Structures are given as C-alpha cells and as structure tokens.
Amino acid sequence: MIQTISRLRWVLYGGYLLAATLALMMAFTPGLALLGLPPERITFVPAMITGAPWSLPLFLVRLDSVTTLAITMVANLLNVAIGLMLAKSGD
C-alpha cells in the first residue's frame, strides 16, 4: 500500500510538471510554434492556473505582459520546488 502511494505521488508530480510546461509554452511564441498554434493565441491563463496560489492576484489586477509573465514563471517555479519536496517526503 505504501509503495502505491509513493508511486502515485511521483505520477501526480510528473503530471503537474507536464501541465506547467505546456502552460508556460502557451505564454511564449516559440512554444506556440512547437504546439502548432499561431502566435495570436498567446495566453497567460493556463500558466496563472498552474501557478496558483501565488498567481491568484493576477486574476484581479491587470498588469503589463512582462510583469505577468515574470510572476507566472516564478509562481510555477515555486510550485515545482514545493511539489518536489512533497513527492520526496515519503521516501
């Protein structure tokens, strides 16, 4: 049972890493090109969702695109670090 829970933690962490990577790819023009989307489809919303709770104020306050991108990248980096600590805590 404990092995299953440990594996599930790593699977969930890997799923979050994949979601955060795709979300940040949607915030950059080269990332959109790799996904096969036109440059007009740039959006920060998926990156703001995967960066929650640190990026939740961005839903209330309108900032310029550079500041929004910086906040979402830092928020996702914080979540990656916290997720890694949580995944390794059972080992």
PDB file of N, CA and C in Angstrom:
ATOM      1  N   MET A   1       0.821  -1.197   0.000  1.00  0.00           N
ATOM      2  CA  MET A   1       0.000   0.000   0.000  1.00  0.00           C
ATOM      3  C   MET A   1       0.870   1.268   0.000  1.00  0.00           C
ATOM      4  N   ILE A   2       1.929   1.235   0.801  1.00  0.00           N
ATOM      5  CA  ILE A   2       2.792   2.410   0.885  1.00  0.00           C
ATOM      6  C   ILE A   2       3.527   2.620  -0.435  1.00  0.00           C
ATOM      7  N   GLN A   3       3.927   1.535  -1.096  1.00  0.00           N
ATOM      8  CA  GLN A   3       4.584   1.657  -2.399  1.00  0.00           C
ATOM      9  C   GLN A   3       3.653   2.305  -3.418  1.00  0.00           C
ATOM     10  N   THR A   4       2.377   1.957  -3.377  1.00  0.00           N
ATOM     11  CA  THR A   4       1.404   2.522  -4.310  1.00  0.00           C
ATOM     12  C   THR A   4       1.244   4.012  -4.084  1.00  0.00           C
ATOM     13  N   ILE A   5       1.173   4.420  -2.836  1.00  0.00           N
ATOM     14  CA  ILE A   5       1.036   5.843  -2.522  1.00  0.00           C
ATOM     15  C   ILE A   5       2.290   6.600  -2.947  1.00  0.00           C
ATOM     16  N   SER A   6       3.458   6.002  -2.727  1.00  0.00           N
ATOM     17  CA  SER A   6       4.699   6.648  -3.131  1.00  0.00           C
ATOM     18  C   SER A   6       4.761   6.815  -4.645  1.00  0.00           C
ATOM     19  N   ARG A   7       4.382   5.793  -5.383  1.00  0.00           N
ATOM     20  CA  ARG A   7       4.371   5.894  -6.847  1.00  0.00           C
ATOM     21  C   ARG A   7       3.344   6.910  -7.319  1.00  0.00           C
ATOM     22  N   LEU A   8       2.199   6.957  -6.649  1.00  0.00           N
ATOM     23  CA  LEU A   8       1.158   7.904  -7.030  1.00  0.00           C
ATOM     24  C   LEU A   8       1.631   9.342  -6.847  1.00  0.00           C
ATOM     25  N   ARG A   9       2.411   9.592  -5.806  1.00  0.00           N
ATOM     26  CA  ARG A   9       2.972  10.938  -5.609  1.00  0.00           C
ATOM     27  C   ARG A   9       3.831  11.352  -6.783  1.00  0.00           C
ATOM     28  N   TRP A  10       4.685  10.444  -7.243  1.00  0.00           N
ATOM     29  CA  TRP A  10       5.575  10.772  -8.353  1.00  0.00           C
ATOM     30  C   TRP A  10       4.804  10.920  -9.655  1.00  0.00           C
ATOM     31  N   VAL A  11       3.759  10.131  -9.842  1.00  0.00           N
ATOM     32  CA  VAL A  11       2.930  10.264 -11.046  1.00  0.00           C
ATOM     33  C   VAL A  11       2.208  11.608 -11.045  1.00  0.00           C
ATOM     34  N   LEU A  12       1.664  12.002  -9.911  1.00  0.00           N
ATOM     35  CA  LEU A  12       0.993  13.298  -9.814  1.00  0.00           C
ATOM     36  C   LEU A  12       1.973  14.446 -10.015  1.00  0.00           C
ATOM     37  N   TYR A  13       3.159  14.304  -9.460  1.00  0.00           N
ATOM     38  CA  TYR A  13       4.181  15.341  -9.644  1.00  0.00           C
ATOM     39  C   TYR A  13       4.589  15.439 -11.114  1.00  0.00           C
ATOM     40  N   GLY A  14       4.773  14.315 -11.764  1.00  0.00           N
ATOM     41  CA  GLY A  14       5.102  14.321 -13.188  1.00  0.00           C
ATOM     42  C   GLY A  14       3.987  14.924 -14.025  1.00  0.00           C
ATOM     43  N   GLY A  15       2.744  14.644 -13.660  1.00  0.00           N
ATOM     44  CA  GLY A  15       1.612  15.243 -14.365  1.00  0.00           C
ATOM     45  C   GLY A  15       1.580  16.750 -14.194  1.00  0.00           C
ATOM     46  N   TYR A  16       1.892  17.213 -12.983  1.00  0.00           N
ATOM     47  CA  TYR A  16       1.938  18.658 -12.778  1.00  0.00           C
ATOM     48  C   TYR A  16       3.068  19.292 -13.592  1.00  0.00           C
ATOM     49  N   LEU A  17       4.225  18.638 -13.629  1.00  0.00           N
ATOM     50  CA  LEU A  17       5.338  19.176 -14.425  1.00  0.00           C
ATOM     51  C   LEU A  17       4.960  19.288 -15.899  1.00  0.00           C
ATOM     52  N   LEU A  18       4.275  18.288 -16.414  1.00  0.00           N
ATOM     53  CA  LEU A  18       3.833  18.321 -17.804  1.00  0.00           C
ATOM     54  C   LEU A  18       2.835  19.451 -18.029  1.00  0.00           C
ATOM     55  N   ALA A  19       1.876  19.600 -17.122  1.00  0.00           N
ATOM     56  CA  ALA A  19       0.879  20.661 -17.258  1.00  0.00           C
ATOM     57  C   ALA A  19       1.522  22.043 -17.167  1.00  0.00           C
ATOM     58  N   ALA A  20       2.450  22.222 -16.241  1.00  0.00           N
ATOM     59  CA  ALA A  20       3.112  23.518 -16.096  1.00  0.00           C
ATOM     60  C   ALA A  20       3.974  23.831 -17.314  1.00  0.00           C
ATOM     61  N   THR A  21       4.632  22.820 -17.864  1.00  0.00           N
ATOM     62  CA  THR A  21       5.447  23.033 -19.059  1.00  0.00           C
ATOM     63  C   THR A  21       4.584  23.456 -20.238  1.00  0.00           C
ATOM     64  N   LEU A  22       3.479  22.761 -20.445  1.00  0.00           N
ATOM     65  CA  LEU A  22       2.577  23.129 -21.541  1.00  0.00           C
ATOM     66  C   LEU A  22       1.966  24.515 -21.328  1.00  0.00           C
ATOM     67  N   ALA A  23       1.648  24.836 -20.080  1.00  0.00           N
ATOM     68  CA  ALA A  23       1.075  26.147 -19.790  1.00  0.00           C
ATOM     69  C   ALA A  23       2.070  27.265 -20.071  1.00  0.00           C
ATOM     70  N   LEU A  24       3.331  27.055 -19.698  1.00  0.00           N
ATOM     71  CA  LEU A  24       4.336  28.074 -19.975  1.00  0.00           C
ATOM     72  C   LEU A  24       4.686  28.138 -21.464  1.00  0.00           C
ATOM     73  N   MET A  25       4.574  27.015 -22.164  1.00  0.00           N
ATOM     74  CA  MET A  25       4.792  27.037 -23.609  1.00  0.00           C
ATOM     75  C   MET A  25       3.742  27.897 -24.308  1.00  0.00           C
ATOM     76  N   MET A  26       2.541  27.936 -23.743  1.00  0.00           N
ATOM     77  CA  MET A  26       1.474  28.735 -24.346  1.00  0.00           C
ATOM     78  C   MET A  26       1.665  30.226 -24.103  1.00  0.00           C
ATOM     79  N   ALA A  27       2.633  30.598 -23.274  1.00  0.00           N
ATOM     80  CA  ALA A  27       2.904  32.003 -22.992  1.00  0.00           C
ATOM     81  C   ALA A  27       4.039  32.565 -23.835  1.00  0.00           C
ATOM     82  N   PHE A  28       4.677  31.721 -24.645  1.00  0.00           N
ATOM     83  CA  PHE A  28       5.790  32.152 -25.486  1.00  0.00           C
ATOM     84  C   PHE A  28       5.497  31.834 -26.943  1.00  0.00           C
ATOM     85  N   THR A  29       5.954  32.682 -27.845  1.00  0.00           N
ATOM     86  CA  THR A  29       5.752  32.454 -29.274  1.00  0.00           C
ATOM     87  C   THR A  29       6.449  31.187 -29.767  1.00  0.00           C
ATOM     88  N   PRO A  30       7.713  30.917 -29.405  1.00  0.00           N
ATOM     89  CA  PRO A  30       8.326  29.651 -29.850  1.00  0.00           C
ATOM     90  C   PRO A  30       7.603  28.419 -29.300  1.00  0.00           C
ATOM     91  N   GLY A  31       7.083  28.524 -28.097  1.00  0.00           N
ATOM     92  CA  GLY A  31       6.327  27.410 -27.524  1.00  0.00           C
ATOM     93  C   GLY A  31       5.054  27.144 -28.297  1.00  0.00           C
ATOM     94  N   LEU A  32       4.391  28.210 -28.710  1.00  0.00           N
ATOM     95  CA  LEU A  32       3.188  28.046 -29.521  1.00  0.00           C
ATOM     96  C   LEU A  32       3.514  27.431 -30.869  1.00  0.00           C
ATOM     97  N   ALA A  33       4.657  27.804 -31.431  1.00  0.00           N
ATOM     98  CA  ALA A  33       5.072  27.222 -32.716  1.00  0.00           C
ATOM     99  C   ALA A  33       5.318  25.723 -32.562  1.00  0.00           C
ATOM    100  N   LEU A  34       5.915  25.303 -31.440  1.00  0.00           N
ATOM    101  CA  LEU A  34       6.124  23.878 -31.200  1.00  0.00           C
ATOM    102  C   LEU A  34       4.802  23.132 -31.023  1.00  0.00           C
ATOM    103  N   LEU A  35       3.810  23.817 -30.464  1.00  0.00           N
ATOM    104  CA  LEU A  35       2.495  23.210 -30.286  1.00  0.00           C
ATOM    105  C   LEU A  35       1.657  23.276 -31.560  1.00  0.00           C
ATOM    106  N   GLY A  36       2.136  23.991 -32.564  1.00  0.00           N
ATOM    107  CA  GLY A  36       1.406  24.105 -33.820  1.00  0.00           C
ATOM    108  C   GLY A  36       0.306  25.149 -33.807  1.00  0.00           C
ATOM    109  N   LEU A  37       0.427  26.125 -32.919  1.00  0.00           N
ATOM    110  CA  LEU A  37      -0.580  27.182 -32.813  1.00  0.00           C
ATOM    111  C   LEU A  37      -0.025  28.486 -33.366  1.00  0.00           C
ATOM    112  N   PRO A  38      -0.903  29.379 -33.849  1.00  0.00           N
ATOM    113  CA  PRO A  38      -0.427  30.665 -34.359  1.00  0.00           C
ATOM    114  C   PRO A  38      -0.013  31.582 -33.210  1.00  0.00           C
ATOM    115  N   PRO A  39       0.844  32.575 -33.484  1.00  0.00           N
ATOM    116  CA  PRO A  39       1.319  33.480 -32.427  1.00  0.00           C
ATOM    117  C   PRO A  39       0.219  34.320 -31.789  1.00  0.00           C
ATOM    118  N   GLU A  40      -0.914  34.446 -32.431  1.00  0.00           N
ATOM    119  CA  GLU A  40      -2.019  35.234 -31.866  1.00  0.00           C
ATOM    120  C   GLU A  40      -2.679  34.544 -30.677  1.00  0.00           C
ATOM    121  N   ARG A  41      -2.356  33.285 -30.442  1.00  0.00           N
ATOM    122  CA  ARG A  41      -3.002  32.516 -29.384  1.00  0.00           C
ATOM    123  C   ARG A  41      -2.255  32.576 -28.054  1.00  0.00           C
ATOM    124  N   ILE A  42      -1.321  33.529 -27.898  1.00  0.00           N
ATOM    125  CA  ILE A  42      -0.589  33.651 -26.631  1.00  0.00           C
ATOM    126  C   ILE A  42      -1.572  33.959 -25.511  1.00  0.00           C
ATOM    127  N   THR A  43      -1.469  33.195 -24.440  1.00  0.00           N
ATOM    128  CA  THR A  43      -2.322  33.407 -23.279  1.00  0.00           C
ATOM    129  C   THR A  43      -1.543  33.069 -22.007  1.00  0.00           C
ATOM    130  N   PHE A  44      -1.850  33.803 -20.954  1.00  0.00           N
ATOM    131  CA  PHE A  44      -1.204  33.573 -19.662  1.00  0.00           C
ATOM    132  C   PHE A  44      -2.106  32.810 -18.701  1.00  0.00           C
ATOM    133  N   VAL A  45      -3.349  32.591 -19.050  1.00  0.00           N
ATOM    134  CA  VAL A  45      -4.319  31.985 -18.128  1.00  0.00           C
ATOM    135  C   VAL A  45      -3.891  30.581 -17.679  1.00  0.00           C
ATOM    136  N   PRO A  46      -3.482  29.667 -18.583  1.00  0.00           N
ATOM    137  CA  PRO A  46      -3.054  28.353 -18.076  1.00  0.00           C
ATOM    138  C   PRO A  46      -1.855  28.438 -17.126  1.00  0.00           C
ATOM    139  N   ALA A  47      -0.928  29.318 -17.407  1.00  0.00           N
ATOM    140  CA  ALA A  47       0.230  29.471 -16.520  1.00  0.00           C
ATOM    141  C   ALA A  47      -0.181  30.081 -15.185  1.00  0.00           C
ATOM    142  N   MET A  48      -1.184  30.940 -15.207  1.00  0.00           N
ATOM    143  CA  MET A  48      -1.676  31.509 -13.954  1.00  0.00           C
ATOM    144  C   MET A  48      -2.398  30.449 -13.134  1.00  0.00           C
ATOM    145  N   ILE A  49      -3.065  29.517 -13.781  1.00  0.00           N
ATOM    146  CA  ILE A  49      -3.763  28.451 -13.062  1.00  0.00           C
ATOM    147  C   ILE A  49      -2.763  27.472 -12.459  1.00  0.00           C
ATOM    148  N   THR A  50      -1.748  27.069 -13.228  1.00  0.00           N
ATOM    149  CA  THR A  50      -0.763  26.132 -12.671  1.00  0.00           C
ATOM    150  C   THR A  50       0.152  26.802 -11.649  1.00  0.00           C
ATOM    151  N   GLY A  51       0.178  28.117 -11.622  1.00  0.00           N
ATOM    152  CA  GLY A  51       0.977  28.851 -10.643  1.00  0.00           C
ATOM    153  C   GLY A  51       0.221  29.217  -9.387  1.00  0.00           C
ATOM    154  N   ALA A  52      -1.021  28.757  -9.284  1.00  0.00           N
ATOM    155  CA  ALA A  52      -1.823  29.068  -8.099  1.00  0.00           C
ATOM    156  C   ALA A  52      -1.177  28.435  -6.881  1.00  0.00           C
ATOM    157  N   PRO A  53      -1.246  28.990  -5.740  1.00  0.00           N
ATOM    158  CA  PRO A  53      -1.947  30.168  -5.264  1.00  0.00           C
ATOM    159  C   PRO A  53      -1.157  31.468  -5.418  1.00  0.00           C
ATOM    160  N   TRP A  54       0.112  31.360  -5.832  1.00  0.00           N
ATOM    161  CA  TRP A  54       0.966  32.540  -5.905  1.00  0.00           C
ATOM    162  C   TRP A  54       0.523  33.518  -6.992  1.00  0.00           C
ATOM    163  N   SER A  55      -0.130  33.030  -8.027  1.00  0.00           N
ATOM    164  CA  SER A  55      -0.509  33.899  -9.140  1.00  0.00           C
ATOM    165  C   SER A  55      -1.978  34.304  -9.102  1.00  0.00           C
ATOM    166  N   LEU A  56      -2.695  33.982  -8.055  1.00  0.00           N
ATOM    167  CA  LEU A  56      -4.111  34.343  -7.982  1.00  0.00           C
ATOM    168  C   LEU A  56      -4.375  35.848  -8.030  1.00  0.00           C
ATOM    169  N   PRO A  57      -3.523  36.705  -7.465  1.00  0.00           N
ATOM    170  CA  PRO A  57      -3.785  38.151  -7.592  1.00  0.00           C
ATOM    171  C   PRO A  57      -3.790  38.645  -9.034  1.00  0.00           C
ATOM    172  N   LEU A  58      -3.175  37.900  -9.946  1.00  0.00           N
ATOM    173  CA  LEU A  58      -3.169  38.324 -11.351  1.00  0.00           C
ATOM    174  C   LEU A  58      -4.562  38.272 -11.973  1.00  0.00           C
ATOM    175  N   PHE A  59      -5.466  37.489 -11.393  1.00  0.00           N
ATOM    176  CA  PHE A  59      -6.833  37.449 -11.895  1.00  0.00           C
ATOM    177  C   PHE A  59      -7.601  38.711 -11.517  1.00  0.00           C
ATOM    178  N   LEU A  60      -7.134  39.417 -10.488  1.00  0.00           N
ATOM    179  CA  LEU A  60      -7.828  40.616 -10.026  1.00  0.00           C
ATOM    180  C   LEU A  60      -7.190  41.902 -10.528  1.00  0.00           C
ATOM    181  N   VAL A  61      -5.885  41.883 -10.754  1.00  0.00           N
ATOM    182  CA  VAL A  61      -5.144  43.082 -11.132  1.00  0.00           C
ATOM    183  C   VAL A  61      -4.620  42.901 -12.560  1.00  0.00           C
ATOM    184  N   ARG A  62      -4.821  43.912 -13.388  1.00  0.00           N
ATOM    185  CA  ARG A  62      -4.301  43.877 -14.754  1.00  0.00           C
ATOM    186  C   ARG A  62      -2.927  44.538 -14.790  1.00  0.00           C
ATOM    187  N   LEU A  63      -1.907  43.745 -15.125  1.00  0.00           N
ATOM    188  CA  LEU A  63      -0.546  44.245 -15.234  1.00  0.00           C
ATOM    189  C   LEU A  63      -0.083  44.101 -16.678  1.00  0.00           C
ATOM    190  N   ASP A  64       1.051  44.691 -16.987  1.00  0.00           N
ATOM    191  CA  ASP A  64       1.580  44.537 -18.340  1.00  0.00           C
ATOM    192  C   ASP A  64       2.038  43.098 -18.554  1.00  0.00           C
ATOM    193  N   SER A  65       2.275  42.733 -19.801  1.00  0.00           N
ATOM    194  CA  SER A  65       2.554  41.334 -20.132  1.00  0.00           C
ATOM    195  C   SER A  65       3.889  40.846 -19.568  1.00  0.00           C
ATOM    196  N   VAL A  66       4.884  41.708 -19.492  1.00  0.00           N
ATOM    197  CA  VAL A  66       6.192  41.285 -18.973  1.00  0.00           C
ATOM    198  C   VAL A  66       6.092  40.964 -17.483  1.00  0.00           C
ATOM    199  N   THR A  67       5.404  41.787 -16.734  1.00  0.00           N
ATOM    200  CA  THR A  67       5.235  41.552 -15.303  1.00  0.00           C
ATOM    201  C   THR A  67       4.394  40.307 -15.054  1.00  0.00           C
ATOM    202  N   THR A  68       3.343  40.140 -15.827  1.00  0.00           N
ATOM    203  CA  THR A  68       2.500  38.954 -15.692  1.00  0.00           C
ATOM    204  C   THR A  68       3.290  37.685 -15.983  1.00  0.00           C
ATOM    205  N   LEU A  69       4.092  37.709 -17.037  1.00  0.00           N
ATOM    206  CA  LEU A  69       4.904  36.549 -17.377  1.00  0.00           C
ATOM    207  C   LEU A  69       5.923  36.248 -16.278  1.00  0.00           C
ATOM    208  N   ALA A  70       6.554  37.272 -15.737  1.00  0.00           N
ATOM    209  CA  ALA A  70       7.544  37.062 -14.673  1.00  0.00           C
ATOM    210  C   ALA A  70       6.891  36.464 -13.431  1.00  0.00           C
ATOM    211  N   ILE A  71       5.728  36.969 -13.056  1.00  0.00           N
ATOM    212  CA  ILE A  71       5.048  36.457 -11.869  1.00  0.00           C
ATOM    213  C   ILE A  71       4.606  35.014 -12.077  1.00  0.00           C
ATOM    214  N   THR A  72       4.083  34.697 -13.262  1.00  0.00           N
ATOM    215  CA  THR A  72       3.638  33.321 -13.509  1.00  0.00           C
ATOM    216  C   THR A  72       4.814  32.351 -13.554  1.00  0.00           C
ATOM    217  N   MET A  73       5.950  32.795 -14.099  1.00  0.00           N
ATOM    218  CA  MET A  73       7.116  31.907 -14.127  1.00  0.00           C
ATOM    219  C   MET A  73       7.649  31.637 -12.722  1.00  0.00           C
ATOM    220  N   VAL A  74       7.707  32.671 -11.888  1.00  0.00           N
ATOM    221  CA  VAL A  74       8.165  32.485 -10.507  1.00  0.00           C
ATOM    222  C   VAL A  74       7.169  31.631  -9.733  1.00  0.00           C
ATOM    223  N   ALA A  75       5.883  31.837  -9.949  1.00  0.00           N
ATOM    224  CA  ALA A  75       4.861  31.045  -9.261  1.00  0.00           C
ATOM    225  C   ALA A  75       4.962  29.574  -9.644  1.00  0.00           C
ATOM    226  N   ASN A  76       5.167  29.286 -10.914  1.00  0.00           N
ATOM    227  CA  ASN A  76       5.315  27.897 -11.341  1.00  0.00           C
ATOM    228  C   ASN A  76       6.595  27.286 -10.788  1.00  0.00           C
ATOM    229  N   LEU A  77       7.666  28.051 -10.728  1.00  0.00           N
ATOM    230  CA  LEU A  77       8.914  27.549 -10.161  1.00  0.00           C
ATOM    231  C   LEU A  77       8.753  27.227  -8.674  1.00  0.00           C
ATOM    232  N   LEU A  78       8.040  28.073  -7.955  1.00  0.00           N
ATOM    233  CA  LEU A  78       7.774  27.793  -6.540  1.00  0.00           C
ATOM    234  C   LEU A  78       6.971  26.506  -6.386  1.00  0.00           C
ATOM    235  N   ASN A  79       5.955  26.315  -7.232  1.00  0.00           N
ATOM    236  CA  ASN A  79       5.141  25.107  -7.136  1.00  0.00           C
ATOM    237  C   ASN A  79       5.930  23.855  -7.503  1.00  0.00           C
ATOM    238  N   VAL A  80       6.850  23.973  -8.456  1.00  0.00           N
ATOM    239  CA  VAL A  80       7.691  22.830  -8.809  1.00  0.00           C
ATOM    240  C   VAL A  80       8.568  22.443  -7.623  1.00  0.00           C
ATOM    241  N   ALA A  81       9.150  23.420  -6.955  1.00  0.00           N
ATOM    242  CA  ALA A  81      10.009  23.141  -5.812  1.00  0.00           C
ATOM    243  C   ALA A  81       9.213  22.541  -4.652  1.00  0.00           C
ATOM    244  N   ILE A  82       8.054  23.109  -4.371  1.00  0.00           N
ATOM    245  CA  ILE A  82       7.218  22.586  -3.284  1.00  0.00           C
ATOM    246  C   ILE A  82       6.723  21.186  -3.616  1.00  0.00           C
ATOM    247  N   GLY A  83       6.333  20.970  -4.864  1.00  0.00           N
ATOM    248  CA  GLY A  83       5.873  19.643  -5.284  1.00  0.00           C
ATOM    249  C   GLY A  83       6.973  18.605  -5.169  1.00  0.00           C
ATOM    250  N   LEU A  84       8.202  18.970  -5.500  1.00  0.00           N
ATOM    251  CA  LEU A  84       9.315  18.033  -5.370  1.00  0.00           C
ATOM    252  C   LEU A  84       9.550  17.679  -3.898  1.00  0.00           C
ATOM    253  N   MET A  85       9.465  18.665  -3.025  1.00  0.00           N
ATOM    254  CA  MET A  85       9.641  18.378  -1.603  1.00  0.00           C
ATOM    255  C   MET A  85       8.531  17.452  -1.099  1.00  0.00           C
ATOM    256  N   LEU A  86       7.293  17.670  -1.551  1.00  0.00           N
ATOM    257  CA  LEU A  86       6.199  16.821  -1.127  1.00  0.00           C
ATOM    258  C   LEU A  86       6.337  15.407  -1.688  1.00  0.00           C
ATOM    259  N   ALA A  87       6.781  15.286  -2.932  1.00  0.00           N
ATOM    260  CA  ALA A  87       6.938  13.956  -3.528  1.00  0.00           C
ATOM    261  C   ALA A  87       8.053  13.174  -2.845  1.00  0.00           C
ATOM    262  N   LYS A  88       9.127  13.847  -2.444  1.00  0.00           N
ATOM    263  CA  LYS A  88      10.252  13.165  -1.807  1.00  0.00           C
ATOM    264  C   LYS A  88      10.021  12.936  -0.313  1.00  0.00           C
ATOM    265  N   SER A  89       8.997  13.543   0.268  1.00  0.00           N
ATOM    266  CA  SER A  89       8.815  13.458   1.716  1.00  0.00           C
ATOM    267  C   SER A  89       8.496  12.033   2.190  1.00  0.00           C
ATOM    268  N   GLY A  90       7.899  11.241   1.333  1.00  0.00           N
ATOM    269  CA  GLY A  90       7.559   9.875   1.748  1.00  0.00           C
ATOM    270  C   GLY A  90       8.685   8.890   1.554  1.00  0.00           C
ATOM    271  N   ASP A  91       9.728   9.267   0.877  1.00  0.00           N
ATOM    272  CA  ASP A  91      10.840   8.334   0.596  1.00  0.00           C
ATOM    273  C   ASP A  91      11.823   8.242   1.739  1.00  0.00           C
TER     274      ASP A  91
END
